[in-house]
Amino acid sequence: MTQWVAYVSAGREFALVEDCGVLGISAIAPRKVEAVRTGNKRYPEARVTPYLPNYVFITATAEEWHWLKDIRYVRDIMGIPPQEERKVHDFCATVESQYHGRMIEIDQAVAVMRNREASKEARREALKVMQHYQPGDMLEVICGPLAGQIVAFGAMVERAASKLPEIEVQMAGMEWGSMRMDPLHLKRVAS
C-alpha cells in the first residue's frame, strides 16, 4: 500500500472520500468546523469544511490508483514518499482530533442556545465558545449602515436590560472609540 495525495475539483473533497469508501479504499480529507450564522437565527451553527481545500489523502495499491485516476473530478494524483508517510498520517490525525474537540464544544453551545430556560450567563458563555473571537481579531460588519467595514473585536458585553449579549468593537479612524454591535451583524474576516 502506498499513500497518495489527490487534487480534486473545489468542493468535491468529501465526495472523493465517500467514493473511495465504496471502492474499499482508505481516504481522508482533514476537516475543520466553524460556527457560522445563517439566516435570521440568533446563534451560529456548525459548518464543516476541508482543512486543506482540494486535497485528499489516500492509501491505495497501484491497481486501485488506476481506478482513482479515472474519477472525473480527480485532477491529479501524486505519490507521497515513504519517509513522509508518517508525518502525513500524524498531521491528519492531529487535524481530525482538533475537529472532533471543536465539534463537541459547538454542539454543547448550540444546545445551550436552543434551551429557552438557559440563563443569560450560560447563553453568553455559549456564544463565546461558538464565536471564538480573541481581542484584536478583525471582523467584518455584514449588515446595517456600517456594512462592509472592518472592525476589531474588543469583548463580549451584556446590558442589564437585554437578554442577548453584544460585541464591543473598535473601528480605526472613529473618534468615539468603541461601539457595541449585535454578534449576528459580524463575521470573521477571511484570511
N, C-alpha and C. Protein backbone atom coordinates (compact mmCIF):
# COMPACT_ATOMS: atom_id res chain seq x y z
N MET A 1 0.84 -1.18 0.00
CA MET A 1 0.00 0.00 0.00
C MET A 1 0.88 1.25 0.00
N THR A 2 0.49 2.19 -0.81
CA THR A 2 1.21 3.44 -0.94
C THR A 2 0.26 4.58 -0.59
N GLN A 3 0.80 5.65 -0.02
CA GLN A 3 -0.02 6.83 0.25
C GLN A 3 0.06 7.77 -0.94
N TRP A 4 -1.11 8.34 -1.27
CA TRP A 4 -1.22 9.27 -2.38
C TRP A 4 -1.93 10.52 -1.88
N VAL A 5 -1.69 11.62 -2.56
CA VAL A 5 -2.47 12.84 -2.32
C VAL A 5 -3.14 13.17 -3.65
N ALA A 6 -4.46 13.31 -3.57
CA ALA A 6 -5.24 13.61 -4.78
C ALA A 6 -5.66 15.08 -4.75
N TYR A 7 -5.55 15.71 -5.91
CA TYR A 7 -6.03 17.08 -6.08
C TYR A 7 -7.37 16.97 -6.80
N VAL A 8 -8.43 17.50 -6.18
CA VAL A 8 -9.78 17.37 -6.74
C VAL A 8 -10.39 18.74 -7.01
N SER A 9 -11.48 18.74 -7.75
CA SER A 9 -12.22 19.97 -8.00
C SER A 9 -12.71 20.55 -6.68
N ALA A 10 -12.86 21.86 -6.64
CA ALA A 10 -13.31 22.54 -5.42
C ALA A 10 -14.65 21.98 -4.95
N GLY A 11 -14.72 21.71 -3.66
CA GLY A 11 -15.96 21.23 -3.07
C GLY A 11 -16.21 19.73 -3.23
N ARG A 12 -15.30 19.00 -3.83
CA ARG A 12 -15.51 17.57 -4.07
C ARG A 12 -14.67 16.68 -3.15
N GLU A 13 -14.04 17.27 -2.15
CA GLU A 13 -13.15 16.52 -1.26
C GLU A 13 -13.90 15.39 -0.54
N PHE A 14 -15.04 15.73 0.06
CA PHE A 14 -15.78 14.73 0.82
C PHE A 14 -16.45 13.71 -0.10
N ALA A 15 -16.77 14.12 -1.33
CA ALA A 15 -17.33 13.18 -2.31
C ALA A 15 -16.30 12.12 -2.68
N LEU A 16 -15.03 12.53 -2.82
CA LEU A 16 -14.00 11.55 -3.14
C LEU A 16 -13.78 10.58 -1.98
N VAL A 17 -13.82 11.07 -0.75
CA VAL A 17 -13.68 10.19 0.41
C VAL A 17 -14.81 9.15 0.40
N GLU A 18 -16.02 9.60 0.11
CA GLU A 18 -17.16 8.70 0.05
C GLU A 18 -17.01 7.69 -1.10
N ASP A 19 -16.59 8.15 -2.27
CA ASP A 19 -16.38 7.25 -3.40
C ASP A 19 -15.29 6.22 -3.10
N CYS A 20 -14.23 6.65 -2.43
CA CYS A 20 -13.16 5.72 -2.06
C CYS A 20 -13.69 4.66 -1.09
N GLY A 21 -14.55 5.07 -0.19
CA GLY A 21 -15.16 4.11 0.74
C GLY A 21 -15.96 3.05 0.02
N VAL A 22 -16.69 3.45 -1.02
CA VAL A 22 -17.46 2.50 -1.82
C VAL A 22 -16.52 1.51 -2.52
N LEU A 23 -15.36 2.00 -2.97
CA LEU A 23 -14.39 1.14 -3.65
C LEU A 23 -13.53 0.33 -2.68
N GLY A 24 -13.69 0.57 -1.37
CA GLY A 24 -12.89 -0.15 -0.38
C GLY A 24 -11.50 0.41 -0.20
N ILE A 25 -11.32 1.69 -0.54
CA ILE A 25 -10.02 2.35 -0.44
C ILE A 25 -10.06 3.31 0.75
N SER A 26 -8.99 3.35 1.51
CA SER A 26 -8.90 4.24 2.66
C SER A 26 -8.55 5.66 2.19
N ALA A 27 -9.39 6.63 2.56
CA ALA A 27 -9.14 8.03 2.18
C ALA A 27 -9.57 8.95 3.30
N ILE A 28 -8.89 10.09 3.41
CA ILE A 28 -9.24 11.09 4.42
C ILE A 28 -9.03 12.48 3.85
N ALA A 29 -10.02 13.34 4.09
CA ALA A 29 -9.91 14.76 3.79
C ALA A 29 -10.01 15.45 5.15
N PRO A 30 -8.89 15.89 5.73
CA PRO A 30 -8.94 16.51 7.05
C PRO A 30 -9.98 17.63 7.08
N ARG A 31 -10.73 17.72 8.20
CA ARG A 31 -11.84 18.66 8.31
C ARG A 31 -11.59 19.70 9.37
N LYS A 32 -12.27 20.82 9.20
CA LYS A 32 -12.33 21.84 10.25
C LYS A 32 -13.78 22.25 10.37
N VAL A 33 -14.13 22.78 11.52
CA VAL A 33 -15.51 23.22 11.74
C VAL A 33 -15.49 24.66 12.23
N GLU A 34 -16.42 25.44 11.69
CA GLU A 34 -16.56 26.83 12.10
C GLU A 34 -18.00 27.06 12.52
N ALA A 35 -18.20 27.97 13.44
CA ALA A 35 -19.55 28.37 13.82
C ALA A 35 -19.95 29.54 12.92
N VAL A 36 -20.95 29.32 12.08
CA VAL A 36 -21.35 30.32 11.10
C VAL A 36 -22.84 30.59 11.25
N ARG A 37 -23.21 31.84 11.27
CA ARG A 37 -24.62 32.22 11.35
C ARG A 37 -25.21 32.23 9.96
N THR A 38 -26.35 31.56 9.81
CA THR A 38 -27.07 31.58 8.53
C THR A 38 -28.49 32.02 8.78
N GLY A 39 -29.02 32.82 7.89
CA GLY A 39 -30.40 33.28 8.02
C GLY A 39 -30.56 34.22 9.20
N ASN A 40 -31.72 34.18 9.81
CA ASN A 40 -32.03 35.09 10.92
C ASN A 40 -31.92 34.42 12.28
N LYS A 41 -31.18 33.36 12.37
CA LYS A 41 -31.05 32.65 13.64
C LYS A 41 -30.22 33.48 14.61
N ARG A 42 -30.53 33.35 15.89
CA ARG A 42 -29.86 34.11 16.93
C ARG A 42 -28.52 33.48 17.33
N TYR A 43 -28.19 32.36 16.76
CA TYR A 43 -26.93 31.70 17.11
C TYR A 43 -26.35 31.05 15.87
N PRO A 44 -25.04 30.93 15.81
CA PRO A 44 -24.40 30.27 14.66
C PRO A 44 -24.56 28.76 14.72
N GLU A 45 -24.39 28.11 13.60
CA GLU A 45 -24.41 26.65 13.52
C GLU A 45 -23.08 26.17 12.97
N ALA A 46 -22.83 24.89 13.15
CA ALA A 46 -21.56 24.30 12.71
C ALA A 46 -21.53 24.18 11.18
N ARG A 47 -20.40 24.56 10.58
CA ARG A 47 -20.18 24.36 9.15
C ARG A 47 -18.85 23.61 9.00
N VAL A 48 -18.92 22.43 8.40
CA VAL A 48 -17.73 21.60 8.22
C VAL A 48 -17.16 21.86 6.84
N THR A 49 -15.87 22.17 6.79
CA THR A 49 -15.17 22.42 5.52
C THR A 49 -13.84 21.67 5.54
N PRO A 50 -13.26 21.46 4.36
CA PRO A 50 -11.95 20.79 4.33
C PRO A 50 -10.86 21.69 4.93
N TYR A 51 -9.97 21.08 5.69
CA TYR A 51 -8.85 21.82 6.27
C TYR A 51 -7.89 22.26 5.17
N LEU A 52 -7.68 21.38 4.19
CA LEU A 52 -6.86 21.67 3.01
C LEU A 52 -7.75 21.59 1.79
N PRO A 53 -8.32 22.70 1.36
CA PRO A 53 -9.23 22.65 0.21
C PRO A 53 -8.56 22.00 -1.01
N ASN A 54 -9.31 21.15 -1.68
CA ASN A 54 -8.91 20.46 -2.91
C ASN A 54 -8.01 19.26 -2.71
N TYR A 55 -7.61 18.91 -1.48
CA TYR A 55 -6.68 17.80 -1.28
C TYR A 55 -7.29 16.68 -0.45
N VAL A 56 -7.04 15.44 -0.88
CA VAL A 56 -7.50 14.25 -0.17
C VAL A 56 -6.31 13.29 -0.08
N PHE A 57 -6.10 12.71 1.10
CA PHE A 57 -5.02 11.75 1.30
C PHE A 57 -5.59 10.34 1.19
N ILE A 58 -4.94 9.51 0.37
CA ILE A 58 -5.47 8.19 0.05
C ILE A 58 -4.39 7.15 0.29
N THR A 59 -4.79 5.99 0.82
CA THR A 59 -3.90 4.83 0.93
C THR A 59 -4.44 3.78 -0.03
N ALA A 60 -3.67 3.46 -1.06
CA ALA A 60 -4.16 2.55 -2.10
C ALA A 60 -3.01 1.79 -2.75
N THR A 61 -3.36 0.68 -3.39
CA THR A 61 -2.38 -0.09 -4.15
C THR A 61 -2.23 0.53 -5.54
N ALA A 62 -1.27 0.02 -6.30
CA ALA A 62 -1.07 0.53 -7.66
C ALA A 62 -2.30 0.25 -8.52
N GLU A 63 -2.94 -0.89 -8.34
CA GLU A 63 -4.15 -1.22 -9.12
C GLU A 63 -5.28 -0.24 -8.78
N GLU A 64 -5.45 0.04 -7.49
CA GLU A 64 -6.51 0.96 -7.06
C GLU A 64 -6.22 2.38 -7.56
N TRP A 65 -4.95 2.72 -7.72
CA TRP A 65 -4.58 4.03 -8.24
C TRP A 65 -5.19 4.24 -9.63
N HIS A 66 -5.20 3.20 -10.43
CA HIS A 66 -5.79 3.30 -11.78
C HIS A 66 -7.28 3.58 -11.71
N TRP A 67 -7.96 3.03 -10.70
CA TRP A 67 -9.39 3.32 -10.54
C TRP A 67 -9.58 4.79 -10.18
N LEU A 68 -8.72 5.28 -9.29
CA LEU A 68 -8.86 6.66 -8.82
C LEU A 68 -8.63 7.68 -9.93
N LYS A 69 -7.65 7.44 -10.76
CA LYS A 69 -7.33 8.44 -11.79
C LYS A 69 -8.45 8.57 -12.82
N ASP A 70 -9.38 7.60 -12.86
CA ASP A 70 -10.49 7.66 -13.80
C ASP A 70 -11.71 8.39 -13.25
N ILE A 71 -11.69 8.76 -11.97
CA ILE A 71 -12.80 9.54 -11.41
C ILE A 71 -12.72 10.94 -12.00
N ARG A 72 -13.83 11.41 -12.54
CA ARG A 72 -13.78 12.64 -13.36
C ARG A 72 -13.40 13.91 -12.60
N TYR A 73 -13.69 14.02 -11.33
CA TYR A 73 -13.33 15.25 -10.62
C TYR A 73 -11.95 15.18 -9.96
N VAL A 74 -11.25 14.06 -10.12
CA VAL A 74 -9.86 13.97 -9.64
C VAL A 74 -8.97 14.59 -10.71
N ARG A 75 -8.31 15.68 -10.36
CA ARG A 75 -7.49 16.41 -11.34
C ARG A 75 -6.07 15.87 -11.43
N ASP A 76 -5.52 15.41 -10.30
CA ASP A 76 -4.14 14.92 -10.30
C ASP A 76 -3.95 14.04 -9.07
N ILE A 77 -3.03 13.08 -9.17
CA ILE A 77 -2.68 12.23 -8.03
C ILE A 77 -1.15 12.16 -7.97
N MET A 78 -0.63 12.39 -6.79
CA MET A 78 0.82 12.33 -6.58
C MET A 78 1.13 11.38 -5.44
N GLY A 79 2.23 10.64 -5.57
CA GLY A 79 2.66 9.74 -4.51
C GLY A 79 3.33 10.51 -3.38
N ILE A 80 3.19 9.99 -2.17
CA ILE A 80 3.86 10.57 -1.01
C ILE A 80 5.07 9.69 -0.72
N PRO A 81 6.26 10.26 -0.62
CA PRO A 81 7.46 9.45 -0.35
C PRO A 81 7.30 8.65 0.95
N PRO A 82 7.80 7.42 0.96
CA PRO A 82 7.65 6.56 2.16
C PRO A 82 8.15 7.21 3.45
N GLN A 83 9.22 7.98 3.38
CA GLN A 83 9.75 8.61 4.59
C GLN A 83 8.84 9.73 5.11
N GLU A 84 7.91 10.22 4.29
CA GLU A 84 7.00 11.31 4.70
C GLU A 84 5.63 10.77 5.11
N GLU A 85 5.35 9.49 4.90
CA GLU A 85 4.02 8.95 5.18
C GLU A 85 3.63 9.10 6.65
N ARG A 86 4.55 8.89 7.57
CA ARG A 86 4.25 9.03 8.99
C ARG A 86 3.87 10.47 9.33
N LYS A 87 4.58 11.44 8.77
CA LYS A 87 4.27 12.85 9.02
C LYS A 87 2.87 13.20 8.52
N VAL A 88 2.53 12.70 7.33
CA VAL A 88 1.20 12.96 6.76
C VAL A 88 0.13 12.33 7.64
N HIS A 89 0.36 11.10 8.08
CA HIS A 89 -0.60 10.41 8.94
C HIS A 89 -0.78 11.18 10.25
N ASP A 90 0.31 11.61 10.87
CA ASP A 90 0.24 12.36 12.13
C ASP A 90 -0.48 13.69 11.94
N PHE A 91 -0.22 14.37 10.82
CA PHE A 91 -0.89 15.63 10.52
C PHE A 91 -2.40 15.41 10.43
N CYS A 92 -2.82 14.41 9.67
CA CYS A 92 -4.25 14.12 9.51
C CYS A 92 -4.89 13.78 10.85
N ALA A 93 -4.20 12.99 11.67
CA ALA A 93 -4.73 12.62 12.98
C ALA A 93 -4.88 13.84 13.89
N THR A 94 -3.91 14.74 13.86
CA THR A 94 -3.97 15.96 14.67
C THR A 94 -5.13 16.85 14.25
N VAL A 95 -5.29 17.05 12.95
CA VAL A 95 -6.37 17.90 12.44
C VAL A 95 -7.73 17.29 12.79
N GLU A 96 -7.86 15.99 12.64
CA GLU A 96 -9.13 15.33 12.96
C GLU A 96 -9.45 15.40 14.45
N SER A 97 -8.45 15.28 15.32
CA SER A 97 -8.71 15.38 16.76
C SER A 97 -9.14 16.80 17.13
N GLN A 98 -8.53 17.82 16.50
CA GLN A 98 -8.95 19.20 16.72
C GLN A 98 -10.39 19.40 16.25
N TYR A 99 -10.72 18.81 15.11
CA TYR A 99 -12.07 18.91 14.56
C TYR A 99 -13.09 18.32 15.55
N HIS A 100 -12.81 17.11 16.05
CA HIS A 100 -13.75 16.46 16.96
C HIS A 100 -13.91 17.25 18.26
N GLY A 101 -12.82 17.78 18.79
CA GLY A 101 -12.90 18.59 20.01
C GLY A 101 -13.72 19.85 19.81
N ARG A 102 -13.49 20.53 18.71
CA ARG A 102 -14.25 21.77 18.41
C ARG A 102 -15.72 21.46 18.14
N MET A 103 -15.99 20.34 17.48
CA MET A 103 -17.37 19.96 17.17
C MET A 103 -18.15 19.70 18.46
N ILE A 104 -17.52 19.06 19.44
CA ILE A 104 -18.18 18.82 20.72
C ILE A 104 -18.50 20.14 21.41
N GLU A 105 -17.54 21.09 21.41
CA GLU A 105 -17.77 22.41 22.01
C GLU A 105 -18.95 23.11 21.34
N ILE A 106 -18.99 23.10 20.02
CA ILE A 106 -20.06 23.79 19.29
C ILE A 106 -21.41 23.13 19.54
N ASP A 107 -21.45 21.79 19.54
CA ASP A 107 -22.71 21.08 19.80
C ASP A 107 -23.26 21.42 21.18
N GLN A 108 -22.39 21.48 22.18
CA GLN A 108 -22.83 21.82 23.53
C GLN A 108 -23.34 23.26 23.58
N ALA A 109 -22.64 24.17 22.90
CA ALA A 109 -23.05 25.57 22.89
C ALA A 109 -24.39 25.75 22.17
N VAL A 110 -24.60 25.05 21.07
CA VAL A 110 -25.87 25.14 20.34
C VAL A 110 -27.01 24.63 21.23
N ALA A 111 -26.76 23.56 21.98
CA ALA A 111 -27.79 23.03 22.88
C ALA A 111 -28.18 24.08 23.93
N VAL A 112 -27.20 24.80 24.46
CA VAL A 112 -27.49 25.86 25.44
C VAL A 112 -28.28 26.98 24.77
N MET A 113 -27.89 27.39 23.58
CA MET A 113 -28.58 28.49 22.89
C MET A 113 -30.02 28.12 22.53
N ARG A 114 -30.29 26.88 22.23
CA ARG A 114 -31.65 26.44 21.89
C ARG A 114 -32.53 26.30 23.13
N ASN A 115 -31.93 26.15 24.29
CA ASN A 115 -32.67 25.98 25.53
C ASN A 115 -33.21 27.33 25.98
N ARG A 116 -34.50 27.50 25.92
CA ARG A 116 -35.12 28.79 26.29
C ARG A 116 -35.01 29.07 27.79
N GLU A 117 -34.75 28.06 28.57
CA GLU A 117 -34.65 28.22 30.02
C GLU A 117 -33.23 28.57 30.47
N ALA A 118 -32.27 28.60 29.56
CA ALA A 118 -30.88 28.86 29.92
C ALA A 118 -30.71 30.29 30.45
N SER A 119 -29.83 30.45 31.41
CA SER A 119 -29.58 31.77 31.99
C SER A 119 -28.81 32.65 31.01
N LYS A 120 -28.82 33.95 31.27
CA LYS A 120 -28.08 34.89 30.43
C LYS A 120 -26.58 34.57 30.44
N GLU A 121 -26.08 34.20 31.62
CA GLU A 121 -24.66 33.87 31.73
C GLU A 121 -24.31 32.65 30.89
N ALA A 122 -25.16 31.63 30.94
CA ALA A 122 -24.91 30.41 30.16
C ALA A 122 -24.95 30.71 28.66
N ARG A 123 -25.91 31.55 28.23
CA ARG A 123 -26.00 31.91 26.82
C ARG A 123 -24.78 32.71 26.37
N ARG A 124 -24.32 33.63 27.23
CA ARG A 124 -23.15 34.43 26.88
C ARG A 124 -21.92 33.54 26.73
N GLU A 125 -21.75 32.61 27.65
CA GLU A 125 -20.60 31.69 27.57
C GLU A 125 -20.70 30.81 26.33
N ALA A 126 -21.91 30.36 26.00
CA ALA A 126 -22.10 29.53 24.80
C ALA A 126 -21.77 30.32 23.55
N LEU A 127 -22.17 31.58 23.50
CA LEU A 127 -21.89 32.41 22.33
C LEU A 127 -20.39 32.66 22.21
N LYS A 128 -19.70 32.80 23.34
CA LYS A 128 -18.24 32.97 23.30
C LYS A 128 -17.57 31.76 22.68
N VAL A 129 -18.03 30.57 23.07
CA VAL A 129 -17.46 29.34 22.53
C VAL A 129 -17.67 29.26 21.02
N MET A 130 -18.87 29.61 20.58
CA MET A 130 -19.18 29.49 19.16
C MET A 130 -18.49 30.55 18.33
N GLN A 131 -18.44 31.77 18.82
CA GLN A 131 -17.82 32.84 18.04
C GLN A 131 -16.30 32.68 18.04
N HIS A 132 -15.76 32.35 19.20
CA HIS A 132 -14.34 32.05 19.33
C HIS A 132 -13.46 33.21 18.85
N TYR A 133 -13.85 34.43 19.19
CA TYR A 133 -13.03 35.59 18.84
C TYR A 133 -12.09 35.90 19.99
N GLN A 134 -10.94 36.42 19.66
CA GLN A 134 -9.97 36.88 20.65
C GLN A 134 -9.86 38.40 20.51
N PRO A 135 -9.57 39.12 21.58
CA PRO A 135 -9.40 40.57 21.45
C PRO A 135 -8.39 40.92 20.36
N GLY A 136 -8.78 41.83 19.49
CA GLY A 136 -7.93 42.24 18.38
C GLY A 136 -8.26 41.55 17.07
N ASP A 137 -9.07 40.47 17.10
CA ASP A 137 -9.46 39.80 15.86
C ASP A 137 -10.21 40.77 14.96
N MET A 138 -9.95 40.68 13.67
CA MET A 138 -10.60 41.56 12.72
C MET A 138 -11.92 40.93 12.27
N LEU A 139 -13.00 41.72 12.35
CA LEU A 139 -14.33 41.28 11.97
C LEU A 139 -14.89 42.20 10.90
N GLU A 140 -15.77 41.66 10.07
CA GLU A 140 -16.42 42.46 9.04
C GLU A 140 -17.88 42.65 9.42
N VAL A 141 -18.37 43.87 9.31
CA VAL A 141 -19.78 44.17 9.56
C VAL A 141 -20.55 43.71 8.33
N ILE A 142 -21.58 42.86 8.52
CA ILE A 142 -22.28 42.29 7.36
C ILE A 142 -23.64 42.91 7.09
N CYS A 143 -24.14 43.75 7.99
CA CYS A 143 -25.40 44.44 7.70
C CYS A 143 -25.47 45.73 8.50
N GLY A 144 -26.41 46.56 8.14
CA GLY A 144 -26.57 47.86 8.79
C GLY A 144 -25.81 48.95 8.06
N PRO A 145 -25.79 50.15 8.64
CA PRO A 145 -25.15 51.27 7.96
C PRO A 145 -23.63 51.14 7.82
N LEU A 146 -23.01 50.29 8.61
CA LEU A 146 -21.57 50.11 8.53
C LEU A 146 -21.18 48.85 7.75
N ALA A 147 -22.11 48.27 7.00
CA ALA A 147 -21.86 47.04 6.25
C ALA A 147 -20.61 47.18 5.38
N GLY A 148 -19.76 46.17 5.45
CA GLY A 148 -18.53 46.16 4.67
C GLY A 148 -17.33 46.74 5.40
N GLN A 149 -17.54 47.39 6.53
CA GLN A 149 -16.44 47.97 7.29
C GLN A 149 -15.74 46.90 8.12
N ILE A 150 -14.47 47.08 8.36
CA ILE A 150 -13.67 46.17 9.18
C ILE A 150 -13.51 46.79 10.56
N VAL A 151 -13.79 45.98 11.59
CA VAL A 151 -13.68 46.44 12.97
C VAL A 151 -12.84 45.43 13.76
N ALA A 152 -12.34 45.85 14.90
CA ALA A 152 -11.54 44.97 15.75
C ALA A 152 -12.39 44.53 16.94
N PHE A 153 -12.38 43.24 17.23
CA PHE A 153 -13.12 42.68 18.36
C PHE A 153 -12.50 43.16 19.66
N GLY A 154 -13.36 43.58 20.59
CA GLY A 154 -12.88 44.01 21.90
C GLY A 154 -13.26 43.01 22.97
N ALA A 155 -14.59 42.84 23.19
CA ALA A 155 -15.06 41.94 24.24
C ALA A 155 -16.54 41.64 24.04
N MET A 156 -16.99 40.57 24.69
CA MET A 156 -18.42 40.28 24.76
C MET A 156 -18.95 41.07 25.96
N VAL A 157 -20.02 41.84 25.77
CA VAL A 157 -20.60 42.63 26.85
C VAL A 157 -22.09 42.35 26.92
N GLU A 158 -22.66 42.67 28.09
CA GLU A 158 -24.07 42.42 28.28
C GLU A 158 -24.69 43.59 29.03
N ARG A 159 -25.78 44.12 28.47
CA ARG A 159 -26.50 45.19 29.14
C ARG A 159 -27.52 44.57 30.09
N ALA A 160 -27.82 45.26 31.17
CA ALA A 160 -28.75 44.72 32.16
C ALA A 160 -30.14 44.53 31.58
N ALA A 161 -30.57 45.41 30.66
CA ALA A 161 -31.92 45.36 30.12
C ALA A 161 -32.05 44.39 28.94
N SER A 162 -30.98 43.82 28.48
CA SER A 162 -31.01 42.96 27.29
C SER A 162 -30.80 41.50 27.66
N LYS A 163 -31.51 40.62 26.97
CA LYS A 163 -31.32 39.18 27.18
C LYS A 163 -30.14 38.66 26.38
N LEU A 164 -29.75 39.38 25.36
CA LEU A 164 -28.71 38.90 24.45
C LEU A 164 -27.42 39.70 24.61
N PRO A 165 -26.29 39.04 24.51
CA PRO A 165 -25.01 39.75 24.62
C PRO A 165 -24.72 40.56 23.37
N GLU A 166 -23.80 41.49 23.49
CA GLU A 166 -23.35 42.29 22.36
C GLU A 166 -21.83 42.19 22.28
N ILE A 167 -21.30 42.58 21.14
CA ILE A 167 -19.85 42.58 20.97
C ILE A 167 -19.38 44.03 20.93
N GLU A 168 -18.37 44.32 21.74
CA GLU A 168 -17.77 45.65 21.73
C GLU A 168 -16.66 45.64 20.68
N VAL A 169 -16.75 46.58 19.74
CA VAL A 169 -15.77 46.63 18.65
C VAL A 169 -15.19 48.03 18.55
N GLN A 170 -14.06 48.11 17.88
CA GLN A 170 -13.41 49.39 17.64
C GLN A 170 -13.11 49.50 16.16
N MET A 171 -13.44 50.66 15.59
CA MET A 171 -13.17 50.89 14.17
C MET A 171 -12.07 51.92 14.05
N ALA A 172 -11.08 51.62 13.22
CA ALA A 172 -9.98 52.55 13.01
C ALA A 172 -10.51 53.86 12.43
N GLY A 173 -10.05 54.97 12.96
CA GLY A 173 -10.45 56.27 12.43
C GLY A 173 -11.68 56.85 13.10
N MET A 174 -12.35 56.11 13.95
CA MET A 174 -13.53 56.63 14.63
C MET A 174 -13.10 57.36 15.90
N GLU A 175 -13.62 58.56 16.09
CA GLU A 175 -13.20 59.39 17.21
C GLU A 175 -13.77 58.95 18.55
N TRP A 176 -14.94 58.30 18.54
CA TRP A 176 -15.58 57.99 19.81
C TRP A 176 -15.10 56.68 20.44
N GLY A 177 -14.13 56.04 19.86
CA GLY A 177 -13.55 54.84 20.47
C GLY A 177 -14.29 53.58 20.09
N SER A 178 -14.95 52.95 21.06
CA SER A 178 -15.60 51.68 20.79
C SER A 178 -17.11 51.83 20.68
N MET A 179 -17.73 50.81 20.06
CA MET A 179 -19.18 50.77 19.96
C MET A 179 -19.62 49.33 20.15
N ARG A 180 -20.90 49.13 20.40
CA ARG A 180 -21.43 47.78 20.61
C ARG A 180 -22.29 47.38 19.43
N MET A 181 -22.15 46.10 19.03
CA MET A 181 -22.91 45.60 17.90
C MET A 181 -23.48 44.22 18.23
N ASP A 182 -24.54 43.88 17.56
CA ASP A 182 -25.14 42.55 17.68
C ASP A 182 -24.17 41.53 17.09
N PRO A 183 -23.91 40.41 17.76
CA PRO A 183 -23.00 39.40 17.22
C PRO A 183 -23.41 38.88 15.84
N LEU A 184 -24.70 38.94 15.55
CA LEU A 184 -25.19 38.45 14.25
C LEU A 184 -24.84 39.37 13.10
N HIS A 185 -24.40 40.59 13.42
CA HIS A 185 -24.06 41.55 12.37
C HIS A 185 -22.57 41.51 12.00
N LEU A 186 -21.84 40.55 12.57
CA LEU A 186 -20.40 40.49 12.35
C LEU A 186 -19.98 39.09 11.92
N LYS A 187 -18.93 39.03 11.13
CA LYS A 187 -18.30 37.74 10.80
C LYS A 187 -16.81 37.95 10.76
N ARG A 188 -16.08 36.86 10.95
CA ARG A 188 -14.63 36.92 10.93
C ARG A 188 -14.16 37.26 9.51
N VAL A 189 -13.15 38.11 9.42
CA VAL A 189 -12.58 38.47 8.12
C VAL A 189 -11.86 37.25 7.56
N ALA A 190 -12.16 36.90 6.32
CA ALA A 190 -11.50 35.76 5.68
C ALA A 190 -10.02 36.06 5.52
N SER A 191 -9.18 35.11 5.95
CA SER A 191 -7.74 35.34 5.83
C SER A 191 -7.17 34.74 4.59
